[in-house]
């Protein structure tokens, strides 16, 4: 069975779930899942987990990401992006300097209100379904971190920039909030994901271009982690979920190999001992 990750360069106008289904059908894979939704309008890096790779999905879902974004000021939409209906239009009175200053004010840690049209659930139901029914629901603001904002280009009404951010950050919300701060409204008019974890858009391919040789093996995907080897005597106990003593002082996630140097799991040390967290 083929296991690992595929880097897809998603085209605009296609949902992330449709990309998943297209790849699953093309290669007849048993299991395929994406590691972080891209809205239909957005393009760029979409990581797919293949077969046993889906077991490791939560690790990459937690990872940082970076994007190239374009915000258009003066028009606010109900979805906070260009696919929504215009709800407010105001004249733009800010200068380029003011727009730049307000954009940079998003740097650092803050709490962010997600878009009304999002897949986040309230009482088990996605927010976008409430929005389509005209029902207003509240979702608690989420902790996010904007690590960098670079390559800013301002040609009003458009502001283009590259942003690196923590998991759970909505660039649509940044566009909306920037427009509110500048008093004219705004929406996300373009978005391209450039990186996720250590994966790069330049290494991705379109659905038509991609083939099975492009699959990144599970082991290779976690090369940035340290590693340990366990003996044959410890193997059964470890694989059954019991803690073993490896006399480790660190508690970071590590790649685990058996006595034949085969990658078998990701594990972590604790006060109880070393245990697996993700089995291959």
C-alpha atoms as a PDB file:
ATOM      1  CA  UNK A   1       0.000   0.000   0.000  1.00  0.00           C
ATOM      2  CA  UNK A   2       1.242   3.467  -0.905  1.00  0.00           C
ATOM      3  CA  UNK A   3       1.432   5.796   2.091  1.00  0.00           C
ATOM      4  CA  UNK A   4       2.573   9.386   2.505  1.00  0.00           C
ATOM      5  CA  UNK A   5       1.761  12.901   1.369  1.00  0.00           C
ATOM      6  CA  UNK A   6       1.120  14.635  -1.945  1.00  0.00           C
ATOM      7  CA  UNK A   7       1.692  18.326  -2.609  1.00  0.00           C
ATOM      8  CA  UNK A   8      -1.036  19.665  -4.893  1.00  0.00           C
ATOM      9  CA  UNK A   9      -1.055  23.095  -6.524  1.00  0.00           C
ATOM     10  CA  UNK A  10      -4.777  23.850  -6.241  1.00  0.00           C
ATOM     11  CA  UNK A  11      -6.479  25.889  -8.921  1.00  0.00           C
ATOM     12  CA  UNK A  12      -9.035  28.602  -8.221  1.00  0.00           C
ATOM     13  CA  UNK A  13     -12.708  27.645  -8.342  1.00  0.00           C
ATOM     14  CA  UNK A  14     -12.192  24.117  -7.007  1.00  0.00           C
ATOM     15  CA  UNK A  15     -13.047  23.014  -3.468  1.00  0.00           C
ATOM     16  CA  UNK A  16     -10.462  21.190  -1.366  1.00  0.00           C
ATOM     17  CA  UNK A  17     -12.802  18.210  -1.045  1.00  0.00           C
ATOM     18  CA  UNK A  18     -13.091  17.989  -4.835  1.00  0.00           C
ATOM     19  CA  UNK A  19      -9.295  17.852  -5.089  1.00  0.00           C
ATOM     20  CA  UNK A  20      -9.329  14.991  -2.585  1.00  0.00           C
ATOM     21  CA  UNK A  21     -11.913  13.063  -4.594  1.00  0.00           C
ATOM     22  CA  UNK A  22     -10.106  13.685  -7.890  1.00  0.00           C
ATOM     23  CA  UNK A  23      -6.797  12.348  -6.550  1.00  0.00           C
ATOM     24  CA  UNK A  24      -8.506   9.396  -4.867  1.00  0.00           C
ATOM     25  CA  UNK A  25     -10.197   8.456  -8.149  1.00  0.00           C
ATOM     26  CA  UNK A  26      -7.109   9.038 -10.310  1.00  0.00           C
ATOM     27  CA  UNK A  27      -4.922   6.634  -8.308  1.00  0.00           C
ATOM     28  CA  UNK A  28      -7.612   4.440  -6.718  1.00  0.00           C
ATOM     29  CA  UNK A  29      -6.270   5.185  -3.248  1.00  0.00           C
ATOM     30  CA  UNK A  30      -8.204   3.738  -0.320  1.00  0.00           C
ATOM     31  CA  UNK A  31      -7.917   6.836   1.894  1.00  0.00           C
ATOM     32  CA  UNK A  32      -7.163  10.462   1.025  1.00  0.00           C
ATOM     33  CA  UNK A  33      -7.592  13.571   3.174  1.00  0.00           C
ATOM     34  CA  UNK A  34      -6.429  17.173   2.959  1.00  0.00           C
ATOM     35  CA  UNK A  35      -4.377  18.831   5.687  1.00  0.00           C
ATOM     36  CA  UNK A  36      -5.974  22.267   5.865  1.00  0.00           C
ATOM     37  CA  UNK A  37      -8.801  23.585   3.703  1.00  0.00           C
ATOM     38  CA  UNK A  38      -8.271  26.163   1.009  1.00  0.00           C
ATOM     39  CA  UNK A  39     -11.398  28.125   0.060  1.00  0.00           C
ATOM     40  CA  UNK A  40     -12.586  27.599  -3.534  1.00  0.00           C
ATOM     41  CA  UNK A  41     -11.302  31.039  -4.570  1.00  0.00           C
ATOM     42  CA  UNK A  42      -7.834  30.370  -3.126  1.00  0.00           C
ATOM     43  CA  UNK A  43      -4.949  28.730  -4.960  1.00  0.00           C
ATOM     44  CA  UNK A  44      -1.642  27.167  -4.010  1.00  0.00           C
ATOM     45  CA  UNK A  45      -0.330  24.481  -1.730  1.00  0.00           C
ATOM     46  CA  UNK A  46      -2.806  21.830  -0.597  1.00  0.00           C
ATOM     47  CA  UNK A  47      -1.228  18.862   1.196  1.00  0.00           C
ATOM     48  CA  UNK A  48      -3.005  15.529   0.820  1.00  0.00           C
ATOM     49  CA  UNK A  49      -2.485  12.580   3.168  1.00  0.00           C
ATOM     50  CA  UNK A  50      -2.520   9.223   1.390  1.00  0.00           C
ATOM     51  CA  UNK A  51      -3.703   5.994   3.077  1.00  0.00           C
ATOM     52  CA  UNK A  52      -1.778   5.591   6.374  1.00  0.00           C
ATOM     53  CA  UNK A  53      -0.627   9.175   6.009  1.00  0.00           C
ATOM     54  CA  UNK A  54      -4.092  10.176   7.242  1.00  0.00           C
ATOM     55  CA  UNK A  55      -3.106   8.909  10.712  1.00  0.00           C
ATOM     56  CA  UNK A  56      -0.557  11.720  10.886  1.00  0.00           C
ATOM     57  CA  UNK A  57      -2.922  14.426   9.650  1.00  0.00           C
ATOM     58  CA  UNK A  58      -3.341  16.160  13.002  1.00  0.00           C
ATOM     59  CA  UNK A  59       0.401  16.909  13.157  1.00  0.00           C
ATOM     60  CA  UNK A  60       0.347  18.893   9.923  1.00  0.00           C
ATOM     61  CA  UNK A  61      -3.038  20.474  10.584  1.00  0.00           C
ATOM     62  CA  UNK A  62      -1.385  22.131  13.581  1.00  0.00           C
ATOM     63  CA  UNK A  63       1.434  23.573  11.485  1.00  0.00           C
ATOM     64  CA  UNK A  64       2.168  27.184  10.553  1.00  0.00           C
ATOM     65  CA  UNK A  65       1.391  28.431   7.047  1.00  0.00           C
ATOM     66  CA  UNK A  66       2.241  31.339   4.790  1.00  0.00           C
ATOM     67  CA  UNK A  67       0.249  33.057   2.051  1.00  0.00           C
ATOM     68  CA  UNK A  68       0.385  35.685  -0.654  1.00  0.00           C
ATOM     69  CA  UNK A  69      -2.744  37.781  -0.218  1.00  0.00           C
ATOM     70  CA  UNK A  70      -4.508  40.685  -1.867  1.00  0.00           C
ATOM     71  CA  UNK A  71      -7.036  42.857  -0.045  1.00  0.00           C
ATOM     72  CA  UNK A  72      -9.354  45.229  -1.892  1.00  0.00           C
ATOM     73  CA  UNK A  73     -10.520  48.180   0.185  1.00  0.00           C
ATOM     74  CA  UNK A  74     -13.783  50.064  -0.159  1.00  0.00           C
ATOM     75  CA  UNK A  75     -16.087  47.076  -0.475  1.00  0.00           C
ATOM     76  CA  UNK A  76     -17.168  44.671   2.276  1.00  0.00           C
ATOM     77  CA  UNK A  77     -18.818  41.341   1.405  1.00  0.00           C
ATOM     78  CA  UNK A  78     -20.856  38.870   3.428  1.00  0.00           C
ATOM     79  CA  UNK A  79     -18.180  36.162   3.051  1.00  0.00           C
ATOM     80  CA  UNK A  80     -15.232  38.558   3.544  1.00  0.00           C
ATOM     81  CA  UNK A  81     -13.867  37.565   0.123  1.00  0.00           C
ATOM     82  CA  UNK A  82     -14.540  38.219  -3.548  1.00  0.00           C
ATOM     83  CA  UNK A  83     -17.005  35.325  -3.828  1.00  0.00           C
ATOM     84  CA  UNK A  84     -19.539  36.972  -1.517  1.00  0.00           C
ATOM     85  CA  UNK A  85     -22.261  39.545  -2.014  1.00  0.00           C
ATOM     86  CA  UNK A  86     -21.420  43.204  -1.503  1.00  0.00           C
ATOM     87  CA  UNK A  87     -22.974  44.507   1.713  1.00  0.00           C
ATOM     88  CA  UNK A  88     -21.156  47.820   2.205  1.00  0.00           C
ATOM     89  CA  UNK A  89     -19.286  50.209  -0.101  1.00  0.00           C
ATOM     90  CA  UNK A  90     -17.458  53.252   1.256  1.00  0.00           C
ATOM     91  CA  UNK A  91     -14.976  55.778  -0.125  1.00  0.00           C
ATOM     92  CA  UNK A  92     -11.319  55.178   0.672  1.00  0.00           C
ATOM     93  CA  UNK A  93      -9.918  58.109   2.600  1.00  0.00           C
ATOM     94  CA  UNK A  94      -6.744  56.616   4.063  1.00  0.00           C
ATOM     95  CA  UNK A  95      -3.244  57.221   2.721  1.00  0.00           C
ATOM     96  CA  UNK A  96      -0.807  54.503   1.683  1.00  0.00           C
ATOM     97  CA  UNK A  97       1.150  55.161   4.862  1.00  0.00           C
ATOM     98  CA  UNK A  98      -1.940  54.691   7.047  1.00  0.00           C
ATOM     99  CA  UNK A  99      -2.869  51.482   5.224  1.00  0.00           C
ATOM    100  CA  UNK A 100       0.661  50.122   5.703  1.00  0.00           C
ATOM    101  CA  UNK A 101       0.678  51.033   9.397  1.00  0.00           C
ATOM    102  CA  UNK A 102      -2.699  49.400  10.050  1.00  0.00           C
ATOM    103  CA  UNK A 103      -1.693  46.241   8.197  1.00  0.00           C
ATOM    104  CA  UNK A 104       1.449  45.892  10.305  1.00  0.00           C
ATOM    105  CA  UNK A 105      -0.647  46.321  13.471  1.00  0.00           C
ATOM    106  CA  UNK A 106      -1.821  42.720  12.968  1.00  0.00           C
ATOM    107  CA  UNK A 107       1.667  41.395  13.783  1.00  0.00           C
ATOM    108  CA  UNK A 108       1.940  39.306  16.934  1.00  0.00           C
ATOM    109  CA  UNK A 109      -0.568  37.405  19.027  1.00  0.00           C
ATOM    110  CA  UNK A 110      -4.235  38.396  19.110  1.00  0.00           C
ATOM    111  CA  UNK A 111      -7.776  37.063  19.138  1.00  0.00           C
ATOM    112  CA  UNK A 112      -9.557  36.797  15.792  1.00  0.00           C
ATOM    113  CA  UNK A 113     -13.244  36.496  14.977  1.00  0.00           C
ATOM    114  CA  UNK A 114     -13.736  33.892  12.249  1.00  0.00           C
ATOM    115  CA  UNK A 115     -15.738  34.737   9.118  1.00  0.00           C
ATOM    116  CA  UNK A 116     -19.499  34.237   9.272  1.00  0.00           C
ATOM    117  CA  UNK A 117     -19.139  31.924   6.285  1.00  0.00           C
ATOM    118  CA  UNK A 118     -16.702  29.321   7.631  1.00  0.00           C
ATOM    119  CA  UNK A 119     -16.638  25.581   8.290  1.00  0.00           C
ATOM    120  CA  UNK A 120     -16.222  26.117  12.036  1.00  0.00           C
ATOM    121  CA  UNK A 121     -19.063  24.450  13.891  1.00  0.00           C
ATOM    122  CA  UNK A 122     -21.533  25.871  16.380  1.00  0.00           C
ATOM    123  CA  UNK A 123     -23.658  23.208  18.130  1.00  0.00           C
ATOM    124  CA  UNK A 124     -22.362  20.672  15.615  1.00  0.00           C
ATOM    125  CA  UNK A 125     -23.395  22.684  12.557  1.00  0.00           C
ATOM    126  CA  UNK A 126     -21.006  24.639  10.238  1.00  0.00           C
ATOM    127  CA  UNK A 127     -21.312  28.409  10.522  1.00  0.00           C
ATOM    128  CA  UNK A 128     -21.808  28.822   6.773  1.00  0.00           C
ATOM    129  CA  UNK A 129     -25.037  26.807   6.970  1.00  0.00           C
ATOM    130  CA  UNK A 130     -26.447  29.169   9.577  1.00  0.00           C
ATOM    131  CA  UNK A 131     -25.361  32.119   7.405  1.00  0.00           C
ATOM    132  CA  UNK A 132     -27.118  30.718   4.338  1.00  0.00           C
ATOM    133  CA  UNK A 133     -30.292  30.385   6.403  1.00  0.00           C
ATOM    134  CA  UNK A 134     -30.002  33.983   7.583  1.00  0.00           C
ATOM    135  CA  UNK A 135     -29.326  32.945  11.180  1.00  0.00           C
ATOM    136  CA  UNK A 136     -26.699  34.935  13.059  1.00  0.00           C
ATOM    137  CA  UNK A 137     -24.535  32.848  15.390  1.00  0.00           C
ATOM    138  CA  UNK A 138     -21.584  33.802  17.545  1.00  0.00           C
ATOM    139  CA  UNK A 139     -18.288  31.939  17.706  1.00  0.00           C
ATOM    140  CA  UNK A 140     -15.761  32.834  20.369  1.00  0.00           C
ATOM    141  CA  UNK A 141     -12.670  34.661  19.070  1.00  0.00           C
ATOM    142  CA  UNK A 142      -9.679  32.397  18.533  1.00  0.00           C
ATOM    143  CA  UNK A 143      -6.067  32.858  19.555  1.00  0.00           C
ATOM    144  CA  UNK A 144      -3.835  33.400  16.526  1.00  0.00           C
ATOM    145  CA  UNK A 145      -0.359  34.704  15.800  1.00  0.00           C
ATOM    146  CA  UNK A 146       0.790  36.657  12.765  1.00  0.00           C
ATOM    147  CA  UNK A 147       4.505  35.962  12.614  1.00  0.00           C
ATOM    148  CA  UNK A 148       5.528  38.089   9.620  1.00  0.00           C
ATOM    149  CA  UNK A 149       3.980  40.470   7.097  1.00  0.00           C
ATOM    150  CA  UNK A 150       6.369  41.130   4.211  1.00  0.00           C
ATOM    151  CA  UNK A 151       6.603  42.266   0.584  1.00  0.00           C
ATOM    152  CA  UNK A 152       3.825  44.815   1.060  1.00  0.00           C
ATOM    153  CA  UNK A 153       2.657  46.555  -2.110  1.00  0.00           C
ATOM    154  CA  UNK A 154      -0.025  49.237  -1.871  1.00  0.00           C
ATOM    155  CA  UNK A 155      -1.831  50.492  -4.949  1.00  0.00           C
ATOM    156  CA  UNK A 156      -5.168  51.623  -3.548  1.00  0.00           C
ATOM    157  CA  UNK A 157      -7.724  50.170  -3.475  1.00  0.00           C
ATOM    158  CA  UNK A 158      -5.489  47.059  -3.523  1.00  0.00           C
ATOM    159  CA  UNK A 159      -3.001  45.972  -0.868  1.00  0.00           C
ATOM    160  CA  UNK A 160      -0.813  42.939  -1.575  1.00  0.00           C
ATOM    161  CA  UNK A 161       1.436  41.231   0.964  1.00  0.00           C
ATOM    162  CA  UNK A 162       2.866  37.935   2.165  1.00  0.00           C
ATOM    163  CA  UNK A 163       1.891  36.710   5.615  1.00  0.00           C
ATOM    164  CA  UNK A 164       3.135  33.897   7.861  1.00  0.00           C
ATOM    165  CA  UNK A 165       0.685  32.792  10.526  1.00  0.00           C
ATOM    166  CA  UNK A 166      -0.301  30.186  13.079  1.00  0.00           C
ATOM    167  CA  UNK A 167      -2.899  27.485  12.566  1.00  0.00           C
ATOM    168  CA  UNK A 168      -6.513  28.587  12.555  1.00  0.00           C
ATOM    169  CA  UNK A 169      -5.797  32.035  11.111  1.00  0.00           C
ATOM    170  CA  UNK A 170      -8.306  33.325   8.570  1.00  0.00           C
ATOM    171  CA  UNK A 171      -6.760  35.733   6.060  1.00  0.00           C
ATOM    172  CA  UNK A 172     -10.329  36.704   5.126  1.00  0.00           C
ATOM    173  CA  UNK A 173     -10.765  37.989   8.662  1.00  0.00           C
ATOM    174  CA  UNK A 174      -7.599  40.067   8.361  1.00  0.00           C
ATOM    175  CA  UNK A 175      -9.005  41.623   5.169  1.00  0.00           C
ATOM    176  CA  UNK A 176     -12.319  42.375   6.887  1.00  0.00           C
ATOM    177  CA  UNK A 177     -10.703  43.789  10.025  1.00  0.00           C
ATOM    178  CA  UNK A 178      -8.205  45.880   8.056  1.00  0.00           C
ATOM    179  CA  UNK A 179     -11.079  47.455   6.126  1.00  0.00           C
ATOM    180  CA  UNK A 180     -12.881  48.222   9.382  1.00  0.00           C
ATOM    181  CA  UNK A 181      -9.776  49.811  10.931  1.00  0.00           C
ATOM    182  CA  UNK A 182      -9.381  52.038   7.874  1.00  0.00           C
ATOM    183  CA  UNK A 183     -13.063  52.984   7.940  1.00  0.00           C
ATOM    184  CA  UNK A 184     -13.831  51.912   4.392  1.00  0.00           C
ATOM    185  CA  UNK A 185     -14.451  48.189   4.542  1.00  0.00           C
ATOM    186  CA  UNK A 186     -12.472  45.569   2.689  1.00  0.00           C
ATOM    187  CA  UNK A 187     -12.435  41.993   1.448  1.00  0.00           C
ATOM    188  CA  UNK A 188      -9.929  39.344   0.399  1.00  0.00           C
ATOM    189  CA  UNK A 189      -9.648  39.472  -3.385  1.00  0.00           C
ATOM    190  CA  UNK A 190      -6.885  36.871  -3.916  1.00  0.00           C
ATOM    191  CA  UNK A 191      -5.101  34.241  -1.829  1.00  0.00           C
ATOM    192  CA  UNK A 192      -2.325  31.758  -2.556  1.00  0.00           C
ATOM    193  CA  UNK A 193      -0.872  29.383   0.042  1.00  0.00           C
ATOM    194  CA  UNK A 194       2.914  29.367  -0.277  1.00  0.00           C
ATOM    195  CA  UNK A 195       4.085  27.074   2.526  1.00  0.00           C
ATOM    196  CA  UNK A 196       2.867  24.723   5.236  1.00  0.00           C
ATOM    197  CA  UNK A 197       5.261  23.329   7.834  1.00  0.00           C
ATOM    198  CA  UNK A 198       8.399  22.668   5.737  1.00  0.00           C
ATOM    199  CA  UNK A 199       6.500  22.022   2.488  1.00  0.00           C
ATOM    200  CA  UNK A 200       6.724  24.538  -0.364  1.00  0.00           C
ATOM    201  CA  UNK A 201       4.399  25.488  -3.199  1.00  0.00           C
ATOM    202  CA  UNK A 202       7.278  25.281  -5.679  1.00  0.00           C
ATOM    203  CA  UNK A 203       7.374  21.512  -5.059  1.00  0.00           C
ATOM    204  CA  UNK A 204       3.646  21.032  -5.724  1.00  0.00           C
ATOM    205  CA  UNK A 205       1.984  19.954  -8.966  1.00  0.00           C
ATOM    206  CA  UNK A 206      -1.489  20.267 -10.447  1.00  0.00           C
ATOM    207  CA  UNK A 207      -3.856  17.300 -10.378  1.00  0.00           C
ATOM    208  CA  UNK A 208      -3.161  16.614 -14.058  1.00  0.00           C
ATOM    209  CA  UNK A 209       0.628  16.699 -13.566  1.00  0.00           C
ATOM    210  CA  UNK A 210       0.882  14.682 -10.381  1.00  0.00           C
ATOM    211  CA  UNK A 211       1.826  10.987 -10.293  1.00  0.00           C
ATOM    212  CA  UNK A 212       2.500   8.333  -7.651  1.00  0.00           C
ATOM    213  CA  UNK A 213       6.252   9.001  -7.787  1.00  0.00           C
ATOM    214  CA  UNK A 214       5.518  12.430  -6.296  1.00  0.00           C
ATOM    215  CA  UNK A 215       4.293  10.927  -3.016  1.00  0.00           C
ATOM    216  CA  UNK A 216       6.474  11.972  -0.083  1.00  0.00           C
ATOM    217  CA  UNK A 217       7.100   8.900   2.144  1.00  0.00           C
ATOM    218  CA  UNK A 218       5.938   9.160   5.748  1.00  0.00           C
ATOM    219  CA  UNK A 219       9.487   8.987   7.069  1.00  0.00           C
ATOM    220  CA  UNK A 220      10.715  11.776   4.788  1.00  0.00           C
ATOM    221  CA  UNK A 221       7.878  14.070   5.832  1.00  0.00           C
ATOM    222  CA  UNK A 222       9.226  14.057   9.393  1.00  0.00           C
ATOM    223  CA  UNK A 223      12.942  14.348   8.679  1.00  0.00           C
ATOM    224  CA  UNK A 224      13.023  17.530  10.748  1.00  0.00           C
ATOM    225  CA  UNK A 225      12.437  15.429  13.901  1.00  0.00           C
ATOM    226  CA  UNK A 226      15.085  13.585  15.861  1.00  0.00           C
ATOM    227  CA  UNK A 227      15.111   9.783  15.961  1.00  0.00           C
ATOM    228  CA  UNK A 228      15.558   6.786  18.268  1.00  0.00           C
ATOM    229  CA  UNK A 229      15.960   3.038  17.761  1.00  0.00           C
ATOM    230  CA  UNK A 230      14.300   0.441  19.955  1.00  0.00           C
ATOM    231  CA  UNK A 231      15.452  -3.114  20.514  1.00  0.00           C
ATOM    232  CA  UNK A 232      13.634  -6.261  19.488  1.00  0.00           C
ATOM    233  CA  UNK A 233      12.943  -6.993  23.170  1.00  0.00           C
ATOM    234  CA  UNK A 234      11.170  -3.639  23.602  1.00  0.00           C
ATOM    235  CA  UNK A 235       9.272  -3.711  20.311  1.00  0.00           C
ATOM    236  CA  UNK A 236       6.147  -5.668  21.302  1.00  0.00           C
ATOM    237  CA  UNK A 237       5.604  -3.671  24.485  1.00  0.00           C
ATOM    238  CA  UNK A 238       6.071  -0.403  22.599  1.00  0.00           C
ATOM    239  CA  UNK A 239       3.741  -1.383  19.746  1.00  0.00           C
ATOM    240  CA  UNK A 240       1.040  -2.372  22.255  1.00  0.00           C
ATOM    241  CA  UNK A 241       1.091   1.134  23.673  1.00  0.00           C
ATOM    242  CA  UNK A 242       3.061   0.525  26.865  1.00  0.00           C
ATOM    243  CA  UNK A 243       5.842   2.840  28.004  1.00  0.00           C
ATOM    244  CA  UNK A 244       9.444   1.715  27.635  1.00  0.00           C
ATOM    245  CA  UNK A 245      12.593   3.136  29.231  1.00  0.00           C
ATOM    246  CA  UNK A 246      14.983   4.728  26.752  1.00  0.00           C
ATOM    247  CA  UNK A 247      16.669   6.982  29.339  1.00  0.00           C
ATOM    248  CA  UNK A 248      15.736  10.099  27.402  1.00  0.00           C
ATOM    249  CA  UNK A 249      15.793  13.556  28.960  1.00  0.00           C
ATOM    250  CA  UNK A 250      13.859  15.372  26.203  1.00  0.00           C
ATOM    251  CA  UNK A 251      10.114  15.094  25.590  1.00  0.00           C
ATOM    252  CA  UNK A 252       9.911  16.261  21.980  1.00  0.00           C
ATOM    253  CA  UNK A 253       8.329  14.124  19.265  1.00  0.00           C
ATOM    254  CA  UNK A 254      10.792  11.641  17.729  1.00  0.00           C
ATOM    255  CA  UNK A 255      10.911   9.255  14.780  1.00  0.00           C
ATOM    256  CA  UNK A 256      11.074   5.648  15.968  1.00  0.00           C
ATOM    257  CA  UNK A 257      12.929   2.829  14.174  1.00  0.00           C
ATOM    258  CA  UNK A 258      13.078  -0.892  14.949  1.00  0.00           C
ATOM    259  CA  UNK A 259      16.243  -2.971  15.106  1.00  0.00           C
ATOM    260  CA  UNK A 260      16.180  -3.374  11.306  1.00  0.00           C
ATOM    261  CA  UNK A 261      16.135   0.413  10.829  1.00  0.00           C
ATOM    262  CA  UNK A 262      12.522   0.463   9.629  1.00  0.00           C
ATOM    263  CA  UNK A 263      10.456   3.548  10.486  1.00  0.00           C
ATOM    264  CA  UNK A 264       7.564   2.352  12.661  1.00  0.00           C
ATOM    265  CA  UNK A 265       6.156   5.296  14.613  1.00  0.00           C
ATOM    266  CA  UNK A 266       6.418   8.742  16.117  1.00  0.00           C
ATOM    267  CA  UNK A 267       6.835   8.712  19.877  1.00  0.00           C
ATOM    268  CA  UNK A 268       7.387  10.961  22.856  1.00  0.00           C
ATOM    269  CA  UNK A 269       9.012  10.615  26.248  1.00  0.00           C
ATOM    270  CA  UNK A 270       7.045  11.390  29.420  1.00  0.00           C
ATOM    271  CA  UNK A 271       7.241  10.762  33.156  1.00  0.00           C
ATOM    272  CA  UNK A 272       5.919   7.250  32.474  1.00  0.00           C
ATOM    273  CA  UNK A 273       8.519   6.489  29.826  1.00  0.00           C
ATOM    274  CA  UNK A 274       8.661   6.517  26.028  1.00  0.00           C
ATOM    275  CA  UNK A 275       5.378   5.723  24.228  1.00  0.00           C
ATOM    276  CA  UNK A 276       4.137   5.905  20.657  1.00  0.00           C
ATOM    277  CA  UNK A 277       1.771   8.672  19.597  1.00  0.00           C
ATOM    278  CA  UNK A 278       1.412   7.758  15.925  1.00  0.00           C
ATOM    279  CA  UNK A 279       1.984   4.270  14.521  1.00  0.00           C
ATOM    280  CA  UNK A 280       2.866   3.808  10.858  1.00  0.00           C
END
